Amino acid sequence: MPANKNQLLRMGVIIEMMRKNAMPNYRRFMEEMRRRDPAGTYQLSERTFRRDIQDLQTEFGAPIEY
């Protein structure tokens, strides 16, 4: 289960990108999040991104290879 609403938002963006065949990696994900951020200052560590991917795999059974 997502730890908080920020993680839930990030997971939603990752899933949305996968549905569009954008195959999110850290760089593409950050580009998308900065595009969505009105100030363009969104920050997230690569470690947190990888943790979100892992949570999608283990908690939700998402067929993601990263």
C-alpha atoms as a PDB file:
ATOM      1  CA  MET A   1       0.000   0.000   0.000  1.00  0.00           C
ATOM      2  CA  PRO A   2       1.401   3.435  -0.877  1.00  0.00           C
ATOM      3  CA  ALA A   3       2.979   5.143   2.104  1.00  0.00           C
ATOM      4  CA  ASN A   4       1.362   8.504   1.357  1.00  0.00           C
ATOM      5  CA  LYS A   5      -0.498  10.472  -1.296  1.00  0.00           C
ATOM      6  CA  ASN A   6       2.760  11.609  -2.921  1.00  0.00           C
ATOM      7  CA  GLN A   7       3.802   8.014  -3.533  1.00  0.00           C
ATOM      8  CA  LEU A   8       0.331   7.227  -4.845  1.00  0.00           C
ATOM      9  CA  LEU A   9       0.598  10.164  -7.262  1.00  0.00           C
ATOM     10  CA  ARG A  10       4.027   9.000  -8.462  1.00  0.00           C
ATOM     11  CA  MET A  11       2.778   5.450  -8.970  1.00  0.00           C
ATOM     12  CA  GLY A  12      -0.158   6.784 -10.963  1.00  0.00           C
ATOM     13  CA  VAL A  13       2.208   8.681 -13.250  1.00  0.00           C
ATOM     14  CA  ILE A  14       4.422   5.608 -13.690  1.00  0.00           C
ATOM     15  CA  ILE A  15       1.389   3.489 -14.633  1.00  0.00           C
ATOM     16  CA  GLU A  16       0.101   6.183 -16.985  1.00  0.00           C
ATOM     17  CA  MET A  17       3.487   6.348 -18.725  1.00  0.00           C
ATOM     18  CA  MET A  18       3.559   2.552 -19.056  1.00  0.00           C
ATOM     19  CA  ARG A  19       0.092   2.555 -20.630  1.00  0.00           C
ATOM     20  CA  LYS A  20       1.365   5.042 -23.203  1.00  0.00           C
ATOM     21  CA  ASN A  21       4.382   2.784 -23.857  1.00  0.00           C
ATOM     22  CA  ALA A  22       6.678   5.531 -22.578  1.00  0.00           C
ATOM     23  CA  MET A  23       8.598   2.916 -20.536  1.00  0.00           C
ATOM     24  CA  PRO A  24       9.470   5.177 -17.648  1.00  0.00           C
ATOM     25  CA  ASN A  25      13.003   5.264 -16.435  1.00  0.00           C
ATOM     26  CA  TYR A  26      14.182   7.780 -13.863  1.00  0.00           C
ATOM     27  CA  ARG A  27      15.095  10.452 -16.431  1.00  0.00           C
ATOM     28  CA  ARG A  28      11.812  10.214 -18.358  1.00  0.00           C
ATOM     29  CA  PHE A  29       9.810  10.122 -15.152  1.00  0.00           C
ATOM     30  CA  MET A  30      11.508  13.266 -13.862  1.00  0.00           C
ATOM     31  CA  GLU A  31      10.915  15.045 -17.186  1.00  0.00           C
ATOM     32  CA  GLU A  32       7.213  14.190 -16.961  1.00  0.00           C
ATOM     33  CA  MET A  33       6.913  15.256 -13.324  1.00  0.00           C
ATOM     34  CA  ARG A  34       8.685  18.551 -13.985  1.00  0.00           C
ATOM     35  CA  ARG A  35       6.383  19.142 -16.943  1.00  0.00           C
ATOM     36  CA  ARG A  36       3.393  18.663 -14.641  1.00  0.00           C
ATOM     37  CA  ASP A  37       4.823  20.880 -11.894  1.00  0.00           C
ATOM     38  CA  PRO A  38       3.825  24.505 -12.541  1.00  0.00           C
ATOM     39  CA  ALA A  39       7.063  25.735 -10.960  1.00  0.00           C
ATOM     40  CA  GLY A  40       9.108  23.073 -12.785  1.00  0.00           C
ATOM     41  CA  THR A  41      11.034  22.309  -9.617  1.00  0.00           C
ATOM     42  CA  TYR A  42       9.909  18.746  -8.829  1.00  0.00           C
ATOM     43  CA  GLN A  43      12.632  16.734  -7.093  1.00  0.00           C
ATOM     44  CA  LEU A  44      12.894  13.048  -6.274  1.00  0.00           C
ATOM     45  CA  SER A  45      15.847  10.764  -5.715  1.00  0.00           C
ATOM     46  CA  GLU A  46      16.477   7.889  -8.076  1.00  0.00           C
ATOM     47  CA  ARG A  47      16.411   5.595  -5.060  1.00  0.00           C
ATOM     48  CA  THR A  48      12.835   6.642  -4.249  1.00  0.00           C
ATOM     49  CA  PHE A  49      11.827   6.109  -7.884  1.00  0.00           C
ATOM     50  CA  ARG A  50      13.275   2.590  -7.784  1.00  0.00           C
ATOM     51  CA  ARG A  51      11.455   1.931  -4.513  1.00  0.00           C
ATOM     52  CA  ASP A  52       8.174   2.978  -6.131  1.00  0.00           C
ATOM     53  CA  ILE A  53       8.826   0.561  -9.013  1.00  0.00           C
ATOM     54  CA  GLN A  54       9.594  -2.205  -6.529  1.00  0.00           C
ATOM     55  CA  ASP A  55       6.407  -1.477  -4.576  1.00  0.00           C
ATOM     56  CA  LEU A  56       4.359  -1.652  -7.780  1.00  0.00           C
ATOM     57  CA  GLN A  57       5.911  -5.045  -8.483  1.00  0.00           C
ATOM     58  CA  THR A  58       5.590  -6.575  -5.029  1.00  0.00           C
ATOM     59  CA  GLU A  59       2.446  -5.009  -3.597  1.00  0.00           C
ATOM     60  CA  PHE A  60       0.381  -4.760  -6.761  1.00  0.00           C
ATOM     61  CA  GLY A  61       1.879  -7.529  -8.881  1.00  0.00           C
ATOM     62  CA  ALA A  62       2.662  -5.128 -11.718  1.00  0.00           C
ATOM     63  CA  PRO A  63       4.597  -6.900 -14.490  1.00  0.00           C
ATOM     64  CA  ILE A  64       7.421  -4.361 -14.570  1.00  0.00           C
ATOM     65  CA  GLU A  65      11.003  -5.159 -15.500  1.00  0.00           C
ATOM     66  CA  TYR A  66      13.436  -2.466 -14.496  1.00  0.00           C
END
